[in-house]
PDB file of all heavy atoms in Angstrom:
ATOM      1  N   HIS A   1     -18.546  47.324 -75.578  1.00  0.00           N
ATOM      2  CA  HIS A   1     -17.271  47.287 -74.907  1.00  0.00           C
ATOM      3  C   HIS A   1     -17.187  48.216 -73.713  1.00  0.00           C
ATOM      4  O   HIS A   1     -16.581  47.823 -72.723  1.00  0.00           O
ATOM      5  CB  HIS A   1     -16.138  47.580 -75.918  1.00  0.00           C
ATOM      6  CG  HIS A   1     -14.801  47.599 -75.302  1.00  0.00           C
ATOM      7  ND1 HIS A   1     -14.146  46.413 -74.849  1.00  0.00           N
ATOM      8  CD2 HIS A   1     -13.961  48.574 -74.961  1.00  0.00           C
ATOM      9  CE1 HIS A   1     -12.997  46.717 -74.364  1.00  0.00           C
ATOM     10  NE2 HIS A   1     -12.831  48.030 -74.349  1.00  0.00           N
ATOM     11  N   THR A   2     -17.707  49.415 -73.765  1.00  0.00           N
ATOM     12  CA  THR A   2     -17.443  50.412 -72.742  1.00  0.00           C
ATOM     13  C   THR A   2     -18.227  50.138 -71.462  1.00  0.00           C
ATOM     14  O   THR A   2     -17.877  50.662 -70.381  1.00  0.00           O
ATOM     15  CB  THR A   2     -17.781  51.808 -73.201  1.00  0.00           C
ATOM     16  OG1 THR A   2     -19.224  51.843 -73.362  1.00  0.00           O
ATOM     17  CG2 THR A   2     -17.105  52.163 -74.515  1.00  0.00           C
ATOM     18  N   HIS A   3     -19.311  49.422 -71.502  1.00  0.00           N
ATOM     19  CA  HIS A   3     -20.218  49.159 -70.404  1.00  0.00           C
ATOM     20  C   HIS A   3     -20.726  50.501 -69.807  1.00  0.00           C
ATOM     21  O   HIS A   3     -21.207  50.526 -68.663  1.00  0.00           O
ATOM     22  CB  HIS A   3     -19.560  48.249 -69.328  1.00  0.00           C
ATOM     23  CG  HIS A   3     -19.153  46.937 -69.811  1.00  0.00           C
ATOM     24  ND1 HIS A   3     -19.893  45.825 -69.658  1.00  0.00           N
ATOM     25  CD2 HIS A   3     -18.040  46.561 -70.486  1.00  0.00           C
ATOM     26  CE1 HIS A   3     -19.314  44.779 -70.203  1.00  0.00           C
ATOM     27  NE2 HIS A   3     -18.179  45.194 -70.696  1.00  0.00           N
ATOM     28  N   ASN A   4     -20.521  51.566 -70.518  1.00  0.00           N
ATOM     29  CA  ASN A   4     -20.868  52.856 -70.069  1.00  0.00           C
ATOM     30  C   ASN A   4     -20.230  53.225 -68.740  1.00  0.00           C
ATOM     31  O   ASN A   4     -20.811  53.884 -67.902  1.00  0.00           O
ATOM     32  CB  ASN A   4     -22.384  53.123 -69.979  1.00  0.00           C
ATOM     33  CG  ASN A   4     -22.756  54.575 -69.919  1.00  0.00           C
ATOM     34  OD1 ASN A   4     -22.036  55.414 -70.318  1.00  0.00           O
ATOM     35  ND2 ASN A   4     -23.948  54.797 -69.355  1.00  0.00           N
ATOM     36  N   GLY A   5     -19.049  52.685 -68.507  1.00  0.00           N
ATOM     37  CA  GLY A   5     -18.300  52.958 -67.305  1.00  0.00           C
ATOM     38  C   GLY A   5     -18.526  51.966 -66.224  1.00  0.00           C
ATOM     39  O   GLY A   5     -17.682  51.767 -65.370  1.00  0.00           O
ATOM     40  N   GLN A   6     -19.722  51.430 -66.165  1.00  0.00           N
ATOM     41  CA  GLN A   6     -20.116  50.338 -65.249  1.00  0.00           C
ATOM     42  C   GLN A   6     -20.085  50.755 -63.751  1.00  0.00           C
ATOM     43  O   GLN A   6     -21.062  50.641 -63.059  1.00  0.00           O
ATOM     44  CB  GLN A   6     -19.345  49.061 -65.409  1.00  0.00           C
ATOM     45  CG  GLN A   6     -19.747  47.895 -64.557  1.00  0.00           C
ATOM     46  CD  GLN A   6     -18.901  46.651 -64.827  1.00  0.00           C
ATOM     47  OE1 GLN A   6     -18.484  46.426 -65.906  1.00  0.00           O
ATOM     48  NE2 GLN A   6     -18.788  45.882 -63.812  1.00  0.00           N
ATOM     49  N   ILE A   7     -18.955  51.230 -63.267  1.00  0.00           N
ATOM     50  CA  ILE A   7     -18.805  51.614 -61.889  1.00  0.00           C
ATOM     51  C   ILE A   7     -18.224  53.003 -61.786  1.00  0.00           C
ATOM     52  O   ILE A   7     -17.244  53.332 -62.395  1.00  0.00           O
ATOM     53  CB  ILE A   7     -17.896  50.651 -61.105  1.00  0.00           C
ATOM     54  CG1 ILE A   7     -18.392  49.176 -61.212  1.00  0.00           C
ATOM     55  CG2 ILE A   7     -17.676  50.995 -59.648  1.00  0.00           C
ATOM     56  CD1 ILE A   7     -17.492  48.152 -60.716  1.00  0.00           C
ATOM     57  N   PHE A   8     -18.840  53.845 -60.953  1.00  0.00           N
ATOM     58  CA  PHE A   8     -18.279  55.199 -60.697  1.00  0.00           C
ATOM     59  C   PHE A   8     -16.885  55.068 -60.127  1.00  0.00           C
ATOM     60  O   PHE A   8     -16.668  54.181 -59.236  1.00  0.00           O
ATOM     61  CB  PHE A   8     -19.188  55.932 -59.752  1.00  0.00           C
ATOM     62  CG  PHE A   8     -18.654  57.251 -59.308  1.00  0.00           C
ATOM     63  CD1 PHE A   8     -18.887  58.339 -60.106  1.00  0.00           C
ATOM     64  CD2 PHE A   8     -17.922  57.437 -58.159  1.00  0.00           C
ATOM     65  CE1 PHE A   8     -18.372  59.573 -59.776  1.00  0.00           C
ATOM     66  CE2 PHE A   8     -17.418  58.635 -57.842  1.00  0.00           C
ATOM     67  CZ  PHE A   8     -17.681  59.749 -58.572  1.00  0.00           C
ATOM     68  N   PRO A   9     -15.918  55.763 -60.538  1.00  0.00           N
ATOM     69  CA  PRO A   9     -15.859  56.877 -61.511  1.00  0.00           C
ATOM     70  C   PRO A   9     -15.427  56.452 -62.905  1.00  0.00           C
ATOM     71  O   PRO A   9     -15.034  57.267 -63.721  1.00  0.00           O
ATOM     72  CB  PRO A   9     -14.863  57.855 -60.900  1.00  0.00           C
ATOM     73  CG  PRO A   9     -13.833  56.913 -60.291  1.00  0.00           C
ATOM     74  CD  PRO A   9     -14.633  55.695 -59.777  1.00  0.00           C
ATOM     75  N   LEU A  10     -15.486  55.107 -63.237  1.00  0.00           N
ATOM     76  CA  LEU A  10     -15.038  54.660 -64.482  1.00  0.00           C
ATOM     77  C   LEU A  10     -15.873  55.208 -65.685  1.00  0.00           C
ATOM     78  O   LEU A  10     -15.381  55.293 -66.794  1.00  0.00           O
ATOM     79  CB  LEU A  10     -15.060  53.100 -64.595  1.00  0.00           C
ATOM     80  CG  LEU A  10     -14.071  52.454 -63.661  1.00  0.00           C
ATOM     81  CD1 LEU A  10     -14.175  50.900 -63.782  1.00  0.00           C
ATOM     82  CD2 LEU A  10     -12.631  52.824 -63.954  1.00  0.00           C
ATOM     83  N   ASN A  11     -17.061  55.692 -65.368  1.00  0.00           N
ATOM     84  CA  ASN A  11     -17.837  56.344 -66.413  1.00  0.00           C
ATOM     85  C   ASN A  11     -17.125  57.588 -66.943  1.00  0.00           C
ATOM     86  O   ASN A  11     -17.169  57.829 -68.162  1.00  0.00           O
ATOM     87  CB  ASN A  11     -19.262  56.674 -65.961  1.00  0.00           C
ATOM     88  CG  ASN A  11     -19.279  57.489 -64.676  1.00  0.00           C
ATOM     89  OD1 ASN A  11     -18.580  57.167 -63.696  1.00  0.00           O
ATOM     90  ND2 ASN A  11     -20.057  58.544 -64.621  1.00  0.00           N
ATOM     91  N   PHE A  12     -16.376  58.285 -66.143  1.00  0.00           N
ATOM     92  CA  PHE A  12     -15.619  59.458 -66.634  1.00  0.00           C
ATOM     93  C   PHE A  12     -14.426  59.023 -67.403  1.00  0.00           C
ATOM     94  O   PHE A  12     -14.030  59.615 -68.373  1.00  0.00           O
ATOM     95  CB  PHE A  12     -15.206  60.277 -65.429  1.00  0.00           C
ATOM     96  CG  PHE A  12     -16.367  60.925 -64.679  1.00  0.00           C
ATOM     97  CD1 PHE A  12     -16.700  60.552 -63.407  1.00  0.00           C
ATOM     98  CD2 PHE A  12     -17.148  61.871 -65.267  1.00  0.00           C
ATOM     99  CE1 PHE A  12     -17.762  61.083 -62.731  1.00  0.00           C
ATOM    100  CE2 PHE A  12     -18.256  62.465 -64.676  1.00  0.00           C
ATOM    101  CZ  PHE A  12     -18.575  62.022 -63.331  1.00  0.00           C
ATOM    102  N   VAL A  13     -13.835  57.851 -67.012  1.00  0.00           N
ATOM    103  CA  VAL A  13     -12.692  57.350 -67.735  1.00  0.00           C
ATOM    104  C   VAL A  13     -13.075  56.929 -69.183  1.00  0.00           C
ATOM    105  O   VAL A  13     -12.443  57.286 -70.111  1.00  0.00           O
ATOM    106  CB  VAL A  13     -12.031  56.109 -67.026  1.00  0.00           C
ATOM    107  CG1 VAL A  13     -10.936  55.464 -67.835  1.00  0.00           C
ATOM    108  CG2 VAL A  13     -11.546  56.580 -65.636  1.00  0.00           C
ATOM    109  N   VAL A  14     -14.152  56.193 -69.338  1.00  0.00           N
ATOM    110  CA  VAL A  14     -14.559  55.764 -70.656  1.00  0.00           C
ATOM    111  C   VAL A  14     -14.973  56.934 -71.512  1.00  0.00           C
ATOM    112  O   VAL A  14     -14.711  56.961 -72.766  1.00  0.00           O
ATOM    113  CB  VAL A  14     -15.616  54.609 -70.708  1.00  0.00           C
ATOM    114  CG1 VAL A  14     -15.119  53.386 -70.029  1.00  0.00           C
ATOM    115  CG2 VAL A  14     -16.932  55.078 -70.082  1.00  0.00           C
ATOM    116  N   LYS A  15     -15.570  57.958 -70.904  1.00  0.00           N
ATOM    117  CA  LYS A  15     -15.903  59.171 -71.697  1.00  0.00           C
ATOM    118  C   LYS A  15     -14.701  59.839 -72.180  1.00  0.00           C
ATOM    119  O   LYS A  15     -14.714  60.512 -73.235  1.00  0.00           O
ATOM    120  CB  LYS A  15     -16.776  60.094 -70.868  1.00  0.00           C
ATOM    121  CG  LYS A  15     -18.231  59.589 -70.670  1.00  0.00           C
ATOM    122  CD  LYS A  15     -19.056  60.447 -69.849  1.00  0.00           C
ATOM    123  CE  LYS A  15     -20.436  59.873 -69.649  1.00  0.00           C
ATOM    124  NZ  LYS A  15     -21.300  60.615 -68.705  1.00  0.00           N
ATOM    125  N   ALA A  16     -13.596  59.754 -71.420  1.00  0.00           N
ATOM    126  CA  ALA A  16     -12.334  60.379 -71.830  1.00  0.00           C
ATOM    127  C   ALA A  16     -11.594  59.531 -72.925  1.00  0.00           C
ATOM    128  O   ALA A  16     -10.927  60.067 -73.759  1.00  0.00           O
ATOM    129  CB  ALA A  16     -11.409  60.630 -70.655  1.00  0.00           C
ATOM    130  N   LEU A  17     -11.789  58.237 -72.853  1.00  0.00           N
ATOM    131  CA  LEU A  17     -11.097  57.366 -73.769  1.00  0.00           C
ATOM    132  C   LEU A  17     -11.740  57.195 -75.144  1.00  0.00           C
ATOM    133  O   LEU A  17     -11.071  56.910 -76.121  1.00  0.00           O
ATOM    134  CB  LEU A  17     -10.956  55.914 -73.110  1.00  0.00           C
ATOM    135  CG  LEU A  17     -10.013  55.810 -71.950  1.00  0.00           C
ATOM    136  CD1 LEU A  17     -10.182  54.397 -71.368  1.00  0.00           C
ATOM    137  CD2 LEU A  17      -8.602  56.101 -72.400  1.00  0.00           C
ATOM    138  N   PHE A  18     -13.062  57.284 -75.189  1.00  0.00           N
ATOM    139  CA  PHE A  18     -13.795  57.026 -76.418  1.00  0.00           C
ATOM    140  C   PHE A  18     -14.516  58.297 -76.861  1.00  0.00           C
ATOM    141  O   PHE A  18     -15.036  59.069 -76.070  1.00  0.00           O
ATOM    142  CB  PHE A  18     -14.818  55.969 -76.239  1.00  0.00           C
ATOM    143  CG  PHE A  18     -14.174  54.610 -75.888  1.00  0.00           C
ATOM    144  CD1 PHE A  18     -14.078  54.206 -74.552  1.00  0.00           C
ATOM    145  CD2 PHE A  18     -13.743  53.762 -76.835  1.00  0.00           C
ATOM    146  CE1 PHE A  18     -13.493  52.968 -74.228  1.00  0.00           C
ATOM    147  CE2 PHE A  18     -13.126  52.542 -76.556  1.00  0.00           C
ATOM    148  CZ  PHE A  18     -13.026  52.134 -75.212  1.00  0.00           C
ATOM    149  N   GLU A  19     -14.485  58.478 -78.211  1.00  0.00           N
ATOM    150  CA  GLU A  19     -15.190  59.655 -78.770  1.00  0.00           C
ATOM    151  C   GLU A  19     -16.672  59.570 -78.445  1.00  0.00           C
ATOM    152  O   GLU A  19     -17.295  60.636 -78.147  1.00  0.00           O
ATOM    153  CB  GLU A  19     -15.047  59.608 -80.337  1.00  0.00           C
ATOM    154  CG  GLU A  19     -15.687  60.729 -81.009  1.00  0.00           C
ATOM    155  CD  GLU A  19     -15.363  60.744 -82.528  1.00  0.00           C
ATOM    156  OE1 GLU A  19     -14.472  60.051 -82.977  1.00  0.00           O
ATOM    157  OE2 GLU A  19     -16.096  61.452 -83.236  1.00  0.00           O
ATOM    158  N   LYS A  20     -17.286  58.361 -78.409  1.00  0.00           N
ATOM    159  CA  LYS A  20     -18.639  58.219 -77.968  1.00  0.00           C
ATOM    160  C   LYS A  20     -18.651  56.939 -77.152  1.00  0.00           C
ATOM    161  O   LYS A  20     -18.440  55.833 -77.638  1.00  0.00           O
ATOM    162  CB  LYS A  20     -19.592  58.057 -79.166  1.00  0.00           C
ATOM    163  CG  LYS A  20     -21.039  57.941 -78.797  1.00  0.00           C
ATOM    164  CD  LYS A  20     -21.536  59.152 -78.057  1.00  0.00           C
ATOM    165  CE  LYS A  20     -22.974  59.103 -77.722  1.00  0.00           C
ATOM    166  NZ  LYS A  20     -23.422  60.246 -76.939  1.00  0.00           N
ATOM    167  N   ALA A  21     -18.871  57.045 -75.830  1.00  0.00           N
ATOM    168  CA  ALA A  21     -18.788  55.930 -74.917  1.00  0.00           C
ATOM    169  C   ALA A  21     -20.171  55.252 -74.760  1.00  0.00           C
ATOM    170  O   ALA A  21     -20.176  54.088 -74.278  1.00  0.00           O
ATOM    171  CB  ALA A  21     -18.242  56.334 -73.587  1.00  0.00           C
ATOM    172  N   TYR A  22     -21.226  55.924 -75.054  1.00  0.00           N
ATOM    173  CA  TYR A  22     -22.559  55.324 -74.913  1.00  0.00           C
ATOM    174  C   TYR A  22     -23.608  56.095 -75.684  1.00  0.00           C
ATOM    175  O   TYR A  22     -23.547  57.359 -75.731  1.00  0.00           O
ATOM    176  CB  TYR A  22     -22.940  55.285 -73.443  1.00  0.00           C
ATOM    177  CG  TYR A  22     -24.300  54.737 -73.181  1.00  0.00           C
ATOM    178  CD1 TYR A  22     -24.618  53.407 -73.266  1.00  0.00           C
ATOM    179  CD2 TYR A  22     -25.403  55.584 -72.945  1.00  0.00           C
ATOM    180  CE1 TYR A  22     -25.873  52.893 -73.100  1.00  0.00           C
ATOM    181  CE2 TYR A  22     -26.678  55.079 -72.727  1.00  0.00           C
ATOM    182  CZ  TYR A  22     -26.907  53.751 -72.805  1.00  0.00           C
ATOM    183  OH  TYR A  22     -28.175  53.251 -72.635  1.00  0.00           O
ATOM    184  N   GLY A  23     -24.541  55.375 -76.222  1.00  0.00           N
ATOM    185  CA  GLY A  23     -25.749  56.037 -76.825  1.00  0.00           C
ATOM    186  C   GLY A  23     -25.620  56.260 -78.332  1.00  0.00           C
ATOM    187  O   GLY A  23     -24.804  55.574 -78.991  1.00  0.00           O
ATOM    188  N   PHE A  24     -26.444  57.167 -78.868  1.00  0.00           N
ATOM    189  CA  PHE A  24     -26.500  57.441 -80.302  1.00  0.00           C
ATOM    190  C   PHE A  24     -25.593  58.627 -80.643  1.00  0.00           C
ATOM    191  O   PHE A  24     -25.448  59.561 -79.838  1.00  0.00           O
ATOM    192  CB  PHE A  24     -27.933  57.792 -80.689  1.00  0.00           C
ATOM    193  CG  PHE A  24     -28.025  58.178 -82.103  1.00  0.00           C
ATOM    194  CD1 PHE A  24     -28.094  57.221 -83.140  1.00  0.00           C
ATOM    195  CD2 PHE A  24     -28.110  59.516 -82.484  1.00  0.00           C
ATOM    196  CE1 PHE A  24     -28.207  57.549 -84.448  1.00  0.00           C
ATOM    197  CE2 PHE A  24     -28.272  59.854 -83.844  1.00  0.00           C
ATOM    198  CZ  PHE A  24     -28.288  58.883 -84.842  1.00  0.00           C
ATOM    199  N   TYR A  25     -24.984  58.504 -81.750  1.00  0.00           N
ATOM    200  CA  TYR A  25     -23.990  59.501 -82.240  1.00  0.00           C
ATOM    201  C   TYR A  25     -24.055  59.589 -83.741  1.00  0.00           C
ATOM    202  O   TYR A  25     -24.335  58.590 -84.381  1.00  0.00           O
ATOM    203  CB  TYR A  25     -22.622  59.170 -81.703  1.00  0.00           C
ATOM    204  CG  TYR A  25     -21.477  60.094 -82.035  1.00  0.00           C
ATOM    205  CD1 TYR A  25     -21.509  61.371 -81.584  1.00  0.00           C
ATOM    206  CD2 TYR A  25     -20.427  59.653 -82.731  1.00  0.00           C
ATOM    207  CE1 TYR A  25     -20.463  62.248 -81.861  1.00  0.00           C
ATOM    208  CE2 TYR A  25     -19.324  60.486 -83.012  1.00  0.00           C
ATOM    209  CZ  TYR A  25     -19.377  61.814 -82.535  1.00  0.00           C
ATOM    210  OH  TYR A  25     -18.308  62.618 -82.846  1.00  0.00           O
ATOM    211  N   ARG A  26     -23.777  60.738 -84.303  1.00  0.00           N
ATOM    212  CA  ARG A  26     -23.718  60.869 -85.728  1.00  0.00           C
ATOM    213  C   ARG A  26     -22.445  61.642 -86.126  1.00  0.00           C
ATOM    214  O   ARG A  26     -22.199  62.643 -85.505  1.00  0.00           O
ATOM    215  CB  ARG A  26     -25.007  61.574 -86.282  1.00  0.00           C
ATOM    216  CG  ARG A  26     -24.987  61.687 -87.813  1.00  0.00           C
ATOM    217  CD  ARG A  26     -26.139  62.619 -88.247  1.00  0.00           C
ATOM    218  NE  ARG A  26     -27.401  61.984 -88.014  1.00  0.00           N
ATOM    219  CZ  ARG A  26     -28.065  61.239 -88.905  1.00  0.00           C
ATOM    220  NH1 ARG A  26     -27.522  60.988 -90.088  1.00  0.00           N
ATOM    221  NH2 ARG A  26     -29.209  60.754 -88.653  1.00  0.00           N
ATOM    222  N   ARG A  27     -21.785  61.192 -87.167  1.00  0.00           N
ATOM    223  CA  ARG A  27     -20.641  61.825 -87.724  1.00  0.00           C
ATOM    224  C   ARG A  27     -20.961  61.926 -89.216  1.00  0.00           C
ATOM    225  O   ARG A  27     -20.944  60.864 -89.892  1.00  0.00           O
ATOM    226  CB  ARG A  27     -19.403  61.011 -87.590  1.00  0.00           C
ATOM    227  CG  ARG A  27     -18.502  61.387 -86.463  1.00  0.00           C
ATOM    228  CD  ARG A  27     -17.293  60.362 -86.455  1.00  0.00           C
ATOM    229  NE  ARG A  27     -16.204  60.977 -85.826  1.00  0.00           N
ATOM    230  CZ  ARG A  27     -15.172  61.526 -86.513  1.00  0.00           C
ATOM    231  NH1 ARG A  27     -15.163  61.482 -87.829  1.00  0.00           N
ATOM    232  NH2 ARG A  27     -14.189  62.092 -85.899  1.00  0.00           N
ATOM    233  N   GLY A  28     -21.269  63.151 -89.733  1.00  0.00           N
ATOM    234  CA  GLY A  28     -21.611  63.200 -91.086  1.00  0.00           C
ATOM    235  C   GLY A  28     -22.880  62.328 -91.399  1.00  0.00           C
ATOM    236  O   GLY A  28     -23.837  62.466 -90.691  1.00  0.00           O
ATOM    237  N   GLU A  29     -22.789  61.448 -92.381  1.00  0.00           N
ATOM    238  CA  GLU A  29     -23.895  60.630 -92.707  1.00  0.00           C
ATOM    239  C   GLU A  29     -23.896  59.271 -91.952  1.00  0.00           C
ATOM    240  O   GLU A  29     -24.757  58.461 -92.152  1.00  0.00           O
ATOM    241  CB  GLU A  29     -23.927  60.348 -94.257  1.00  0.00           C
ATOM    242  CG  GLU A  29     -24.155  61.552 -95.126  1.00  0.00           C
ATOM    243  CD  GLU A  29     -25.538  62.192 -94.792  1.00  0.00           C
ATOM    244  OE1 GLU A  29     -26.590  61.419 -94.788  1.00  0.00           O
ATOM    245  OE2 GLU A  29     -25.611  63.390 -94.524  1.00  0.00           O
ATOM    246  N   THR A  30     -22.789  59.024 -91.180  1.00  0.00           N
ATOM    247  CA  THR A  30     -22.686  57.773 -90.468  1.00  0.00           C
ATOM    248  C   THR A  30     -23.301  57.878 -89.097  1.00  0.00           C
ATOM    249  O   THR A  30     -23.052  58.863 -88.374  1.00  0.00           O
ATOM    250  CB  THR A  30     -21.255  57.355 -90.358  1.00  0.00           C
ATOM    251  OG1 THR A  30     -20.656  57.291 -91.694  1.00  0.00           O
ATOM    252  CG2 THR A  30     -21.067  55.990 -89.679  1.00  0.00           C
ATOM    253  N   GLN A  31     -24.140  56.866 -88.711  1.00  0.00           N
ATOM    254  CA  GLN A  31     -24.770  56.873 -87.420  1.00  0.00           C
ATOM    255  C   GLN A  31     -24.046  55.759 -86.575  1.00  0.00           C
ATOM    256  O   GLN A  31     -23.677  54.726 -87.118  1.00  0.00           O
ATOM    257  CB  GLN A  31     -26.263  56.570 -87.577  1.00  0.00           C
ATOM    258  CG  GLN A  31     -26.965  57.615 -88.409  1.00  0.00           C
ATOM    259  CD  GLN A  31     -28.349  57.184 -88.715  1.00  0.00           C
ATOM    260  OE1 GLN A  31     -29.208  57.388 -87.815  1.00  0.00           O
ATOM    261  NE2 GLN A  31     -28.643  56.652 -89.833  1.00  0.00           N
ATOM    262  N   TYR A  32     -23.936  56.008 -85.291  1.00  0.00           N
ATOM    263  CA  TYR A  32     -23.288  55.033 -84.365  1.00  0.00           C
ATOM    264  C   TYR A  32     -24.211  54.851 -83.198  1.00  0.00           C
ATOM    265  O   TYR A  32     -24.838  55.757 -82.673  1.00  0.00           O
ATOM    266  CB  TYR A  32     -21.982  55.693 -83.849  1.00  0.00           C
ATOM    267  CG  TYR A  32     -21.034  56.122 -84.899  1.00  0.00           C
ATOM    268  CD1 TYR A  32     -21.110  57.338 -85.536  1.00  0.00           C
ATOM    269  CD2 TYR A  32     -20.019  55.232 -85.338  1.00  0.00           C
ATOM    270  CE1 TYR A  32     -20.265  57.731 -86.533  1.00  0.00           C
ATOM    271  CE2 TYR A  32     -19.137  55.622 -86.309  1.00  0.00           C
ATOM    272  CZ  TYR A  32     -19.277  56.844 -86.931  1.00  0.00           C
ATOM    273  OH  TYR A  32     -18.400  57.207 -87.898  1.00  0.00           O
TER     274      TYR A  32
END
């Protein structure tokens, strides 16, 4: 969904809107 921002400066917007906007992430035992 996030397209990792797609166009500058939207990458900063999606990083502010989503806990994790792109890539690998772990919360406890859950991987994203």
